[in-house]
Amino acid sequence: MTTLDDKLLGEKLQYYYSTSEDEDSDHEDKDRGRGAPASSSTPAEAELAGEGISVNTGPKGVINDWRRFKQLETEQREEQCREMERLIKKLSMSCRSHLDEEEEQQKQKDLQEKISGKM
């Protein structure tokens, strides 16, 4: 039987063994409630084991790991290329080239000549 201090401090009930039938039936009911979600999470863990770390340690596992590595490597390279292209477009729109500056100066000179010619 648990003490009041243990209940207030939040001691885990699964660490206690009781000879009383009342507590055993309460714990079994709680364990049954916990058992259902635990069994449903087991297949999810099995799926994760297949994607993350290879279970096969032989040639098939090595080949699968190598294929996954190459796939991730190409995806990363493509992402870097897309990021580089995006930066190039962004920076090319925000800066002016030397030719653009010369054209702007030529337009300014032509405009000044037209203004001075009218006066």
PDB file of N, CA and C in Angstrom:
ATOM      1  N   MET A   1       0.851  -1.173   0.000  1.00  0.00           N
ATOM      2  CA  MET A   1       0.000   0.000   0.000  1.00  0.00           C
ATOM      3  C   MET A   1       0.891   1.228   0.000  1.00  0.00           C
ATOM      4  N   THR A   2       0.531   2.222  -0.790  1.00  0.00           N
ATOM      5  CA  THR A   2       1.335   3.436  -0.890  1.00  0.00           C
ATOM      6  C   THR A   2       0.957   4.399   0.225  1.00  0.00           C
ATOM      7  N   THR A   3       1.930   5.200   0.605  1.00  0.00           N
ATOM      8  CA  THR A   3       1.689   6.179   1.658  1.00  0.00           C
ATOM      9  C   THR A   3       1.168   7.463   1.046  1.00  0.00           C
ATOM     10  N   LEU A   4       0.661   8.326   1.901  1.00  0.00           N
ATOM     11  CA  LEU A   4       0.132   9.607   1.446  1.00  0.00           C
ATOM     12  C   LEU A   4       1.242  10.458   0.829  1.00  0.00           C
ATOM     13  N   ASP A   5       2.442  10.399   1.430  1.00  0.00           N
ATOM     14  CA  ASP A   5       3.572  11.156   0.885  1.00  0.00           C
ATOM     15  C   ASP A   5       3.890  10.715  -0.538  1.00  0.00           C
ATOM     16  N   ASP A   6       3.868   9.412  -0.764  1.00  0.00           N
ATOM     17  CA  ASP A   6       4.168   8.906  -2.099  1.00  0.00           C
ATOM     18  C   ASP A   6       3.125   9.367  -3.108  1.00  0.00           C
ATOM     19  N   LYS A   7       1.886   9.387  -2.703  1.00  0.00           N
ATOM     20  CA  LYS A   7       0.825   9.840  -3.605  1.00  0.00           C
ATOM     21  C   LYS A   7       0.966  11.325  -3.914  1.00  0.00           C
ATOM     22  N   LEU A   8       1.313  12.114  -2.902  1.00  0.00           N
ATOM     23  CA  LEU A   8       1.449  13.554  -3.110  1.00  0.00           C
ATOM     24  C   LEU A   8       2.690  13.892  -3.926  1.00  0.00           C
ATOM     25  N   LEU A   9       3.758  13.143  -3.709  1.00  0.00           N
ATOM     26  CA  LEU A   9       4.994  13.411  -4.440  1.00  0.00           C
ATOM     27  C   LEU A   9       4.971  12.811  -5.840  1.00  0.00           C
ATOM     28  N   GLY A  10       3.976  12.010  -6.115  1.00  0.00           N
ATOM     29  CA  GLY A  10       3.829  11.488  -7.471  1.00  0.00           C
ATOM     30  C   GLY A  10       4.680  10.274  -7.749  1.00  0.00           C
ATOM     31  N   GLU A  11       4.901   9.432  -6.774  1.00  0.00           N
ATOM     32  CA  GLU A  11       5.655   8.212  -7.009  1.00  0.00           C
ATOM     33  C   GLU A  11       4.884   7.328  -7.977  1.00  0.00           C
ATOM     34  N   LYS A  12       5.597   6.637  -8.810  1.00  0.00           N
ATOM     35  CA  LYS A  12       4.957   5.785  -9.800  1.00  0.00           C
ATOM     36  C   LYS A  12       4.395   4.547  -9.129  1.00  0.00           C
ATOM     37  N   LEU A  13       3.187   4.201  -9.499  1.00  0.00           N
ATOM     38  CA  LEU A  13       2.533   3.042  -8.914  1.00  0.00           C
ATOM     39  C   LEU A  13       3.107   1.745  -9.452  1.00  0.00           C
ATOM     40  N   GLN A  14       3.696   1.764 -10.630  1.00  0.00           N
ATOM     41  CA  GLN A  14       4.204   0.531 -11.205  1.00  0.00           C
ATOM     42  C   GLN A  14       5.427   0.011 -10.469  1.00  0.00           C
ATOM     43  N   TYR A  15       6.064   0.827  -9.630  1.00  0.00           N
ATOM     44  CA  TYR A  15       7.218   0.388  -8.865  1.00  0.00           C
ATOM     45  C   TYR A  15       6.810  -0.351  -7.594  1.00  0.00           C
ATOM     46  N   TYR A  16       5.548  -0.319  -7.253  1.00  0.00           N
ATOM     47  CA  TYR A  16       5.074  -0.925  -6.008  1.00  0.00           C
ATOM     48  C   TYR A  16       4.409  -2.260  -6.298  1.00  0.00           C
ATOM     49  N   TYR A  17       4.663  -3.207  -5.438  1.00  0.00           N
ATOM     50  CA  TYR A  17       4.000  -4.495  -5.506  1.00  0.00           C
ATOM     51  C   TYR A  17       3.111  -4.619  -4.287  1.00  0.00           C
ATOM     52  N   SER A  18       1.878  -4.967  -4.508  1.00  0.00           N
ATOM     53  CA  SER A  18       0.931  -5.035  -3.412  1.00  0.00           C
ATOM     54  C   SER A  18       0.338  -6.433  -3.330  1.00  0.00           C
ATOM     55  N   THR A  19       0.037  -6.848  -2.130  1.00  0.00           N
ATOM     56  CA  THR A  19      -0.607  -8.143  -1.944  1.00  0.00           C
ATOM     57  C   THR A  19      -2.109  -7.995  -1.842  1.00  0.00           C
ATOM     58  N   SER A  20      -2.567  -6.792  -1.785  1.00  0.00           N
ATOM     59  CA  SER A  20      -3.992  -6.537  -1.653  1.00  0.00           C
ATOM     60  C   SER A  20      -4.667  -6.729  -3.001  1.00  0.00           C
ATOM     61  N   GLU A  21      -5.830  -7.360  -3.012  1.00  0.00           N
ATOM     62  CA  GLU A  21      -6.549  -7.597  -4.262  1.00  0.00           C
ATOM     63  C   GLU A  21      -7.153  -6.322  -4.826  1.00  0.00           C
ATOM     64  N   ASP A  22      -7.520  -5.385  -3.968  1.00  0.00           N
ATOM     65  CA  ASP A  22      -8.117  -4.140  -4.436  1.00  0.00           C
ATOM     66  C   ASP A  22      -7.136  -3.356  -5.293  1.00  0.00           C
ATOM     67  N   GLU A  23      -5.924  -3.226  -4.822  1.00  0.00           N
ATOM     68  CA  GLU A  23      -4.930  -2.458  -5.572  1.00  0.00           C
ATOM     69  C   GLU A  23      -4.535  -3.174  -6.846  1.00  0.00           C
ATOM     70  N   ASP A  24      -4.460  -4.500  -6.794  1.00  0.00           N
ATOM     71  CA  ASP A  24      -4.094  -5.253  -7.990  1.00  0.00           C
ATOM     72  C   ASP A  24      -5.121  -5.057  -9.090  1.00  0.00           C
ATOM     73  N   SER A  25      -6.374  -5.084  -8.750  1.00  0.00           N
ATOM     74  CA  SER A  25      -7.401  -4.915  -9.773  1.00  0.00           C
ATOM     75  C   SER A  25      -7.379  -3.497 -10.335  1.00  0.00           C
ATOM     76  N   ASP A  26      -7.078  -2.511  -9.484  1.00  0.00           N
ATOM     77  CA  ASP A  26      -6.972  -1.134  -9.971  1.00  0.00           C
ATOM     78  C   ASP A  26      -5.801  -0.991 -10.933  1.00  0.00           C
ATOM     79  N   HIS A  27      -4.678  -1.594 -10.581  1.00  0.00           N
ATOM     80  CA  HIS A  27      -3.493  -1.492 -11.436  1.00  0.00           C
ATOM     81  C   HIS A  27      -3.708  -2.217 -12.757  1.00  0.00           C
ATOM     82  N   GLU A  28      -4.395  -3.352 -12.711  1.00  0.00           N
ATOM     83  CA  GLU A  28      -4.642  -4.087 -13.944  1.00  0.00           C
ATOM     84  C   GLU A  28      -5.537  -3.289 -14.882  1.00  0.00           C
ATOM     85  N   ASP A  29      -6.531  -2.605 -14.320  1.00  0.00           N
ATOM     86  CA  ASP A  29      -7.400  -1.774 -15.145  1.00  0.00           C
ATOM     87  C   ASP A  29      -6.602  -0.656 -15.798  1.00  0.00           C
ATOM     88  N   LYS A  30      -5.720  -0.045 -15.023  1.00  0.00           N
ATOM     89  CA  LYS A  30      -4.894   1.033 -15.579  1.00  0.00           C
ATOM     90  C   LYS A  30      -3.927   0.485 -16.615  1.00  0.00           C
ATOM     91  N   ASP A  31      -3.349  -0.681 -16.346  1.00  0.00           N
ATOM     92  CA  ASP A  31      -2.419  -1.286 -17.288  1.00  0.00           C
ATOM     93  C   ASP A  31      -3.123  -1.671 -18.576  1.00  0.00           C
ATOM     94  N   ARG A  32      -4.365  -2.116 -18.474  1.00  0.00           N
ATOM     95  CA  ARG A  32      -5.120  -2.444 -19.688  1.00  0.00           C
ATOM     96  C   ARG A  32      -5.347  -1.195 -20.525  1.00  0.00           C
ATOM     97  N   GLY A  33      -5.615  -0.096 -19.860  1.00  0.00           N
ATOM     98  CA  GLY A  33      -5.798   1.168 -20.567  1.00  0.00           C
ATOM     99  C   GLY A  33      -4.512   1.622 -21.224  1.00  0.00           C
ATOM    100  N   ARG A  34      -3.400   1.386 -20.555  1.00  0.00           N
ATOM    101  CA  ARG A  34      -2.098   1.761 -21.118  1.00  0.00           C
ATOM    102  C   ARG A  34      -1.664   0.787 -22.192  1.00  0.00           C
ATOM    103  N   GLY A  35      -2.108  -0.443 -22.094  1.00  0.00           N
ATOM    104  CA  GLY A  35      -1.663  -1.483 -23.011  1.00  0.00           C
ATOM    105  C   GLY A  35      -2.114  -1.249 -24.435  1.00  0.00           C
ATOM    106  N   ALA A  36      -3.276  -0.709 -24.631  1.00  0.00           N
ATOM    107  CA  ALA A  36      -3.786  -0.505 -25.985  1.00  0.00           C
ATOM    108  C   ALA A  36      -2.945   0.491 -26.768  1.00  0.00           C
ATOM    109  N   PRO A  37      -2.622   1.672 -26.224  1.00  0.00           N
ATOM    110  CA  PRO A  37      -1.788   2.583 -26.989  1.00  0.00           C
ATOM    111  C   PRO A  37      -0.380   2.049 -27.191  1.00  0.00           C
ATOM    112  N   ALA A  38       0.131   1.297 -26.237  1.00  0.00           N
ATOM    113  CA  ALA A  38       1.483   0.777 -26.367  1.00  0.00           C
ATOM    114  C   ALA A  38       1.562  -0.207 -27.524  1.00  0.00           C
ATOM    115  N   SER A  39       0.547  -1.032 -27.702  1.00  0.00           N
ATOM    116  CA  SER A  39       0.575  -1.994 -28.791  1.00  0.00           C
ATOM    117  C   SER A  39       0.407  -1.294 -30.136  1.00  0.00           C
ATOM    118  N   SER A  40      -0.284  -0.166 -30.170  1.00  0.00           N
ATOM    119  CA  SER A  40      -0.449   0.559 -31.426  1.00  0.00           C
ATOM    120  C   SER A  40       0.811   1.325 -31.796  1.00  0.00           C
ATOM    121  N   SER A  41       1.655   1.661 -30.818  1.00  0.00           N
ATOM    122  CA  SER A  41       2.882   2.386 -31.129  1.00  0.00           C
ATOM    123  C   SER A  41       3.979   1.443 -31.595  1.00  0.00           C
ATOM    124  N   THR A  42       3.851   0.158 -31.349  1.00  0.00           N
ATOM    125  CA  THR A  42       4.872  -0.803 -31.740  1.00  0.00           C
ATOM    126  C   THR A  42       5.026  -0.881 -33.260  1.00  0.00           C
ATOM    127  N   PRO A  43       3.961  -0.926 -34.061  1.00  0.00           N
ATOM    128  CA  PRO A  43       4.146  -0.936 -35.512  1.00  0.00           C
ATOM    129  C   PRO A  43       4.791   0.353 -36.019  1.00  0.00           C
ATOM    130  N   ALA A  44       4.502   1.470 -35.374  1.00  0.00           N
ATOM    131  CA  ALA A  44       5.116   2.725 -35.801  1.00  0.00           C
ATOM    132  C   ALA A  44       6.619   2.676 -35.584  1.00  0.00           C
ATOM    133  N   GLU A  45       7.047   2.072 -34.481  1.00  0.00           N
ATOM    134  CA  GLU A  45       8.480   1.949 -34.223  1.00  0.00           C
ATOM    135  C   GLU A  45       9.125   1.034 -35.249  1.00  0.00           C
ATOM    136  N   ALA A  46       8.410  -0.006 -35.662  1.00  0.00           N
ATOM    137  CA  ALA A  46       8.951  -0.915 -36.663  1.00  0.00           C
ATOM    138  C   ALA A  46       9.122  -0.199 -37.998  1.00  0.00           C
ATOM    139  N   GLU A  47       8.181   0.683 -38.350  1.00  0.00           N
ATOM    140  CA  GLU A  47       8.293   1.442 -39.592  1.00  0.00           C
ATOM    141  C   GLU A  47       9.478   2.392 -39.540  1.00  0.00           C
ATOM    142  N   LEU A  48       9.685   3.030 -38.400  1.00  0.00           N
ATOM    143  CA  LEU A  48      10.803   3.957 -38.266  1.00  0.00           C
ATOM    144  C   LEU A  48      12.129   3.231 -38.367  1.00  0.00           C
ATOM    145  N   ALA A  49      12.189   2.023 -37.846  1.00  0.00           N
ATOM    146  CA  ALA A  49      13.435   1.275 -37.896  1.00  0.00           C
ATOM    147  C   ALA A  49      13.813   0.977 -39.342  1.00  0.00           C
ATOM    148  N   GLY A  50      12.835   0.812 -40.224  1.00  0.00           N
ATOM    149  CA  GLY A  50      13.115   0.524 -41.616  1.00  0.00           C
ATOM    150  C   GLY A  50      13.658   1.724 -42.364  1.00  0.00           C
ATOM    151  N   GLU A  51      13.292   2.928 -41.973  1.00  0.00           N
ATOM    152  CA  GLU A  51      13.741   4.115 -42.690  1.00  0.00           C
ATOM    153  C   GLU A  51      15.049   4.663 -42.146  1.00  0.00           C
ATOM    154  N   GLY A  52      15.187   4.713 -40.854  1.00  0.00           N
ATOM    155  CA  GLY A  52      16.344   5.358 -40.248  1.00  0.00           C
ATOM    156  C   GLY A  52      17.575   4.482 -40.304  1.00  0.00           C
ATOM    157  N   ILE A  53      17.683   3.591 -39.392  1.00  0.00           N
ATOM    158  CA  ILE A  53      18.843   2.717 -39.299  1.00  0.00           C
ATOM    159  C   ILE A  53      18.462   1.387 -39.918  1.00  0.00           C
ATOM    160  N   SER A  54      19.294   0.900 -40.778  1.00  0.00           N
ATOM    161  CA  SER A  54      18.988  -0.339 -41.461  1.00  0.00           C
ATOM    162  C   SER A  54      19.098  -1.512 -40.504  1.00  0.00           C
ATOM    163  N   VAL A  55      18.106  -2.384 -40.579  1.00  0.00           N
ATOM    164  CA  VAL A  55      18.122  -3.577 -39.747  1.00  0.00           C
ATOM    165  C   VAL A  55      19.042  -4.609 -40.372  1.00  0.00           C
ATOM    166  N   ASN A  56      19.083  -4.650 -41.694  1.00  0.00           N
ATOM    167  CA  ASN A  56      19.948  -5.593 -42.385  1.00  0.00           C
ATOM    168  C   ASN A  56      21.388  -5.102 -42.305  1.00  0.00           C
ATOM    169  N   THR A  57      22.250  -5.950 -41.781  1.00  0.00           N
ATOM    170  CA  THR A  57      23.655  -5.553 -41.685  1.00  0.00           C
ATOM    171  C   THR A  57      24.491  -6.226 -42.756  1.00  0.00           C
ATOM    172  N   GLY A  58      23.879  -7.047 -43.569  1.00  0.00           N
ATOM    173  CA  GLY A  58      24.595  -7.730 -44.637  1.00  0.00           C
ATOM    174  C   GLY A  58      24.642  -6.883 -45.891  1.00  0.00           C
ATOM    175  N   PRO A  59      24.908  -7.515 -47.027  1.00  0.00           N
ATOM    176  CA  PRO A  59      25.018  -6.783 -48.298  1.00  0.00           C
ATOM    177  C   PRO A  59      23.755  -6.016 -48.666  1.00  0.00           C
ATOM    178  N   LYS A  60      22.589  -6.595 -48.390  1.00  0.00           N
ATOM    179  CA  LYS A  60      21.343  -5.903 -48.727  1.00  0.00           C
ATOM    180  C   LYS A  60      21.187  -4.634 -47.911  1.00  0.00           C
ATOM    181  N   GLY A  61      21.523  -4.694 -46.646  1.00  0.00           N
ATOM    182  CA  GLY A  61      21.432  -3.505 -45.796  1.00  0.00           C
ATOM    183  C   GLY A  61      22.400  -2.430 -46.227  1.00  0.00           C
ATOM    184  N   VAL A  62      23.605  -2.848 -46.597  1.00  0.00           N
ATOM    185  CA  VAL A  62      24.612  -1.882 -47.046  1.00  0.00           C
ATOM    186  C   VAL A  62      24.163  -1.227 -48.341  1.00  0.00           C
ATOM    187  N   ILE A  63      23.626  -2.012 -49.253  1.00  0.00           N
ATOM    188  CA  ILE A  63      23.156  -1.461 -50.528  1.00  0.00           C
ATOM    189  C   ILE A  63      22.001  -0.497 -50.296  1.00  0.00           C
ATOM    190  N   ASN A  64      21.066  -0.867 -49.424  1.00  0.00           N
ATOM    191  CA  ASN A  64      19.942   0.032 -49.126  1.00  0.00           C
ATOM    192  C   ASN A  64      20.432   1.321 -48.481  1.00  0.00           C
ATOM    193  N   ASP A  65      21.372   1.200 -47.556  1.00  0.00           N
ATOM    194  CA  ASP A  65      21.927   2.397 -46.924  1.00  0.00           C
ATOM    195  C   ASP A  65      22.639   3.266 -47.947  1.00  0.00           C
ATOM    196  N   TRP A  66      23.384   2.671 -48.871  1.00  0.00           N
ATOM    197  CA  TRP A  66      24.110   3.426 -49.889  1.00  0.00           C
ATOM    198  C   TRP A  66      23.132   4.139 -50.814  1.00  0.00           C
ATOM    199  N   ARG A  67      22.064   3.451 -51.204  1.00  0.00           N
ATOM    200  CA  ARG A  67      21.051   4.081 -52.065  1.00  0.00           C
ATOM    201  C   ARG A  67      20.397   5.261 -51.364  1.00  0.00           C
ATOM    202  N   ARG A  68      20.079   5.081 -50.096  1.00  0.00           N
ATOM    203  CA  ARG A  68      19.465   6.169 -49.321  1.00  0.00           C
ATOM    204  C   ARG A  68      20.433   7.342 -49.203  1.00  0.00           C
ATOM    205  N   PHE A  69      21.710   7.049 -48.965  1.00  0.00           N
ATOM    206  CA  PHE A  69      22.724   8.098 -48.870  1.00  0.00           C
ATOM    207  C   PHE A  69      22.827   8.864 -50.179  1.00  0.00           C
ATOM    208  N   LYS A  70      22.875   8.155 -51.292  1.00  0.00           N
ATOM    209  CA  LYS A  70      22.974   8.814 -52.598  1.00  0.00           C
ATOM    210  C   LYS A  70      21.726   9.644 -52.887  1.00  0.00           C
ATOM    211  N   GLN A  71      20.565   9.129 -52.503  1.00  0.00           N
ATOM    212  CA  GLN A  71      19.329   9.878 -52.710  1.00  0.00           C
ATOM    213  C   GLN A  71      19.361  11.173 -51.906  1.00  0.00           C
ATOM    214  N   LEU A  72      19.753  11.090 -50.646  1.00  0.00           N
ATOM    215  CA  LEU A  72      19.840  12.292 -49.814  1.00  0.00           C
ATOM    216  C   LEU A  72      20.894  13.254 -50.346  1.00  0.00           C
ATOM    217  N   GLU A  73      21.991  12.715 -50.845  1.00  0.00           N
ATOM    218  CA  GLU A  73      23.059  13.547 -51.391  1.00  0.00           C
ATOM    219  C   GLU A  73      22.577  14.323 -52.615  1.00  0.00           C
ATOM    220  N   THR A  74      21.850  13.657 -53.522  1.00  0.00           N
ATOM    221  CA  THR A  74      21.351  14.355 -54.712  1.00  0.00           C
ATOM    222  C   THR A  74      20.280  15.377 -54.345  1.00  0.00           C
ATOM    223  N   GLU A  75      19.417  15.030 -53.376  1.00  0.00           N
ATOM    224  CA  GLU A  75      18.406  15.997 -52.933  1.00  0.00           C
ATOM    225  C   GLU A  75      19.066  17.230 -52.332  1.00  0.00           C
ATOM    226  N   GLN A  76      20.115  17.022 -51.564  1.00  0.00           N
ATOM    227  CA  GLN A  76      20.820  18.147 -50.951  1.00  0.00           C
ATOM    228  C   GLN A  76      21.501  18.997 -52.025  1.00  0.00           C
ATOM    229  N   ARG A  77      22.094  18.361 -53.014  1.00  0.00           N
ATOM    230  CA  ARG A  77      22.752  19.086 -54.094  1.00  0.00           C
ATOM    231  C   ARG A  77      21.737  19.901 -54.895  1.00  0.00           C
ATOM    232  N   GLU A  78      20.575  19.306 -55.177  1.00  0.00           N
ATOM    233  CA  GLU A  78      19.525  20.026 -55.904  1.00  0.00           C
ATOM    234  C   GLU A  78      19.013  21.207 -55.096  1.00  0.00           C
ATOM    235  N   GLU A  79      18.863  21.024 -53.802  1.00  0.00           N
ATOM    236  CA  GLU A  79      18.412  22.115 -52.931  1.00  0.00           C
ATOM    237  C   GLU A  79      19.439  23.247 -52.924  1.00  0.00           C
ATOM    238  N   GLN A  80      20.718  22.905 -52.898  1.00  0.00           N
ATOM    239  CA  GLN A  80      21.754  23.936 -52.941  1.00  0.00           C
ATOM    240  C   GLN A  80      21.726  24.682 -54.270  1.00  0.00           C
ATOM    241  N   CYS A  81      21.504  23.966 -55.362  1.00  0.00           N
ATOM    242  CA  CYS A  81      21.419  24.617 -56.675  1.00  0.00           C
ATOM    243  C   CYS A  81      20.221  25.560 -56.740  1.00  0.00           C
ATOM    244  N   ARG A  82      19.078  25.116 -56.225  1.00  0.00           N
ATOM    245  CA  ARG A  82      17.898  25.986 -56.215  1.00  0.00           C
ATOM    246  C   ARG A  82      18.138  27.224 -55.361  1.00  0.00           C
ATOM    247  N   GLU A  83      18.782  27.048 -54.223  1.00  0.00           N
ATOM    248  CA  GLU A  83      19.079  28.182 -53.342  1.00  0.00           C
ATOM    249  C   GLU A  83      20.046  29.146 -54.030  1.00  0.00           C
ATOM    250  N   MET A  84      21.041  28.604 -54.722  1.00  0.00           N
ATOM    251  CA  MET A  84      22.008  29.440 -55.431  1.00  0.00           C
ATOM    252  C   MET A  84      21.313  30.224 -56.545  1.00  0.00           C
ATOM    253  N   GLU A  85      20.438  29.563 -57.309  1.00  0.00           N
ATOM    254  CA  GLU A  85      19.709  30.253 -58.376  1.00  0.00           C
ATOM    255  C   GLU A  85      18.804  31.342 -57.815  1.00  0.00           C
ATOM    256  N   ARG A  86      18.170  31.052 -56.691  1.00  0.00           N
ATOM    257  CA  ARG A  86      17.305  32.045 -56.066  1.00  0.00           C
ATOM    258  C   ARG A  86      18.118  33.255 -55.625  1.00  0.00           C
ATOM    259  N   LEU A  87      19.275  33.020 -55.042  1.00  0.00           N
ATOM    260  CA  LEU A  87      20.130  34.131 -54.621  1.00  0.00           C
ATOM    261  C   LEU A  87      20.643  34.925 -55.818  1.00  0.00           C
ATOM    262  N   ILE A  88      20.991  34.233 -56.889  1.00  0.00           N
ATOM    263  CA  ILE A  88      21.476  34.916 -58.091  1.00  0.00           C
ATOM    264  C   ILE A  88      20.389  35.826 -58.649  1.00  0.00           C
ATOM    265  N   LYS A  89      19.164  35.320 -58.730  1.00  0.00           N
ATOM    266  CA  LYS A  89      18.061  36.141 -59.236  1.00  0.00           C
ATOM    267  C   LYS A  89      17.797  37.328 -58.326  1.00  0.00           C
ATOM    268  N   LYS A  90      17.825  37.083 -57.036  1.00  0.00           N
ATOM    269  CA  LYS A  90      17.549  38.155 -56.075  1.00  0.00           C
ATOM    270  C   LYS A  90      18.617  39.239 -56.156  1.00  0.00           C
ATOM    271  N   LEU A  91      19.873  38.831 -56.191  1.00  0.00           N
ATOM    272  CA  LEU A  91      20.958  39.809 -56.205  1.00  0.00           C
ATOM    273  C   LEU A  91      21.100  40.488 -57.561  1.00  0.00           C
ATOM    274  N   SER A  92      20.777  39.786 -58.639  1.00  0.00           N
ATOM    275  CA  SER A  92      20.896  40.411 -59.955  1.00  0.00           C
ATOM    276  C   SER A  92      19.824  41.477 -60.153  1.00  0.00           C
ATOM    277  N   MET A  93      18.698  41.331 -59.497  1.00  0.00           N
ATOM    278  CA  MET A  93      17.646  42.336 -59.610  1.00  0.00           C
ATOM    279  C   MET A  93      17.952  43.560 -58.760  1.00  0.00           C
ATOM    280  N   SER A  94      18.700  43.386 -57.733  1.00  0.00           N
ATOM    281  CA  SER A  94      18.931  44.495 -56.808  1.00  0.00           C
ATOM    282  C   SER A  94      20.190  45.299 -57.126  1.00  0.00           C
ATOM    283  N   CYS A  95      21.067  44.794 -57.986  1.00  0.00           N
ATOM    284  CA  CYS A  95      22.280  45.556 -58.294  1.00  0.00           C
ATOM    285  C   CYS A  95      22.291  45.937 -59.776  1.00  0.00           C
ATOM    286  N   ARG A  96      23.013  46.989 -60.081  1.00  0.00           N
ATOM    287  CA  ARG A  96      23.090  47.475 -61.449  1.00  0.00           C
ATOM    288  C   ARG A  96      24.469  47.168 -62.004  1.00  0.00           C
ATOM    289  N   SER A  97      24.506  46.787 -63.255  1.00  0.00           N
ATOM    290  CA  SER A  97      25.784  46.489 -63.886  1.00  0.00           C
ATOM    291  C   SER A  97      26.432  47.778 -64.385  1.00  0.00           C
ATOM    292  N   HIS A  98      27.664  47.673 -64.816  1.00  0.00           N
ATOM    293  CA  HIS A  98      28.404  48.817 -65.336  1.00  0.00           C
ATOM    294  C   HIS A  98      27.728  49.363 -66.597  1.00  0.00           C
ATOM    295  N   LEU A  99      27.232  48.477 -67.441  1.00  0.00           N
ATOM    296  CA  LEU A  99      26.551  48.911 -68.663  1.00  0.00           C
ATOM    297  C   LEU A  99      25.276  49.678 -68.341  1.00  0.00           C
ATOM    298  N   ASP A 100      24.539  49.226 -67.325  1.00  0.00           N
ATOM    299  CA  ASP A 100      23.330  49.944 -66.922  1.00  0.00           C
ATOM    300  C   ASP A 100      23.668  51.356 -66.463  1.00  0.00           C
ATOM    301  N   GLU A 101      24.757  51.495 -65.723  1.00  0.00           N
ATOM    302  CA  GLU A 101      25.157  52.823 -65.247  1.00  0.00           C
ATOM    303  C   GLU A 101      25.562  53.724 -66.407  1.00  0.00           C
ATOM    304  N   GLU A 102      26.281  53.178 -67.399  1.00  0.00           N
ATOM    305  CA  GLU A 102      26.678  53.976 -68.560  1.00  0.00           C
ATOM    306  C   GLU A 102      25.453  54.419 -69.357  1.00  0.00           C
ATOM    307  N   GLU A 103      24.484  53.529 -69.531  1.00  0.00           N
ATOM    308  CA  GLU A 103      23.259  53.891 -70.242  1.00  0.00           C
ATOM    309  C   GLU A 103      22.507  54.986 -69.500  1.00  0.00           C
ATOM    310  N   GLU A 104      22.452  54.891 -68.183  1.00  0.00           N
ATOM    311  CA  GLU A 104      21.778  55.910 -67.376  1.00  0.00           C
ATOM    312  C   GLU A 104      22.493  57.254 -67.514  1.00  0.00           C
ATOM    313  N   GLN A 105      23.825  57.252 -67.512  1.00  0.00           N
ATOM    314  CA  GLN A 105      24.578  58.504 -67.678  1.00  0.00           C
ATOM    315  C   GLN A 105      24.339  59.096 -69.062  1.00  0.00           C
ATOM    316  N   GLN A 106      24.289  58.238 -70.074  1.00  0.00           N
ATOM    317  CA  GLN A 106      24.039  58.719 -71.433  1.00  0.00           C
ATOM    318  C   GLN A 106      22.645  59.337 -71.524  1.00  0.00           C
ATOM    319  N   LYS A 107      21.652  58.722 -70.900  1.00  0.00           N
ATOM    320  CA  LYS A 107      20.303  59.284 -70.894  1.00  0.00           C
ATOM    321  C   LYS A 107      20.278  60.624 -70.172  1.00  0.00           C
ATOM    322  N   GLN A 108      21.018  60.731 -69.077  1.00  0.00           N
ATOM    323  CA  GLN A 108      21.084  61.988 -68.330  1.00  0.00           C
ATOM    324  C   GLN A 108      21.720  63.084 -69.190  1.00  0.00           C
ATOM    325  N   LYS A 109      22.784  62.749 -69.935  1.00  0.00           N
ATOM    326  CA  LYS A 109      23.434  63.732 -70.808  1.00  0.00           C
ATOM    327  C   LYS A 109      22.478  64.184 -71.908  1.00  0.00           C
ATOM    328  N   ASP A 110      21.777  63.212 -72.518  1.00  0.00           N
ATOM    329  CA  ASP A 110      20.818  63.558 -73.566  1.00  0.00           C
ATOM    330  C   ASP A 110      19.712  64.453 -73.017  1.00  0.00           C
ATOM    331  N   LEU A 111      19.233  64.167 -71.846  1.00  0.00           N
ATOM    332  CA  LEU A 111      18.196  64.972 -71.218  1.00  0.00           C
ATOM    333  C   LEU A 111      18.708  66.375 -70.924  1.00  0.00           C
ATOM    334  N   GLN A 112      19.935  66.503 -70.438  1.00  0.00           N
ATOM    335  CA  GLN A 112      20.531  67.815 -70.157  1.00  0.00           C
ATOM    336  C   GLN A 112      20.694  68.616 -71.450  1.00  0.00           C
ATOM    337  N   GLU A 113      21.095  67.946 -72.537  1.00  0.00           N
ATOM    338  CA  GLU A 113      21.252  68.636 -73.819  1.00  0.00           C
ATOM    339  C   GLU A 113      19.901  69.140 -74.334  1.00  0.00           C
ATOM    340  N   LYS A 114      18.855  68.344 -74.200  1.00  0.00           N
ATOM    341  CA  LYS A 114      17.526  68.762 -74.636  1.00  0.00           C
ATOM    342  C   LYS A 114      17.041  69.953 -73.824  1.00  0.00           C
ATOM    343  N   ILE A 115      17.281  69.905 -72.522  1.00  0.00           N
ATOM    344  CA  ILE A 115      16.847  70.998 -71.653  1.00  0.00           C
ATOM    345  C   ILE A 115      17.634  72.265 -71.980  1.00  0.00           C
ATOM    346  N   SER A 116      18.941  72.138 -72.146  1.00  0.00           N
ATOM    347  CA  SER A 116      19.755  73.325 -72.445  1.00  0.00           C
ATOM    348  C   SER A 116      19.479  73.838 -73.862  1.00  0.00           C
ATOM    349  N   GLY A 117      19.086  72.978 -74.801  1.00  0.00           N
ATOM    350  CA  GLY A 117      18.760  73.386 -76.162  1.00  0.00           C
ATOM    351  C   GLY A 117      17.458  74.166 -76.221  1.00  0.00           C
ATOM    352  N   LYS A 118      16.511  73.893 -75.352  1.00  0.00           N
ATOM    353  CA  LYS A 118      15.234  74.589 -75.337  1.00  0.00           C
ATOM    354  C   LYS A 118      15.372  75.960 -74.708  1.00  0.00           C
ATOM    355  N   MET A 119      16.336  76.162 -73.871  1.00  0.00           N
ATOM    356  CA  MET A 119      16.483  77.445 -73.201  1.00  0.00           C
ATOM    357  C   MET A 119      17.309  78.319 -74.037  1.00  0.00           C
TER     358      MET A 119
END
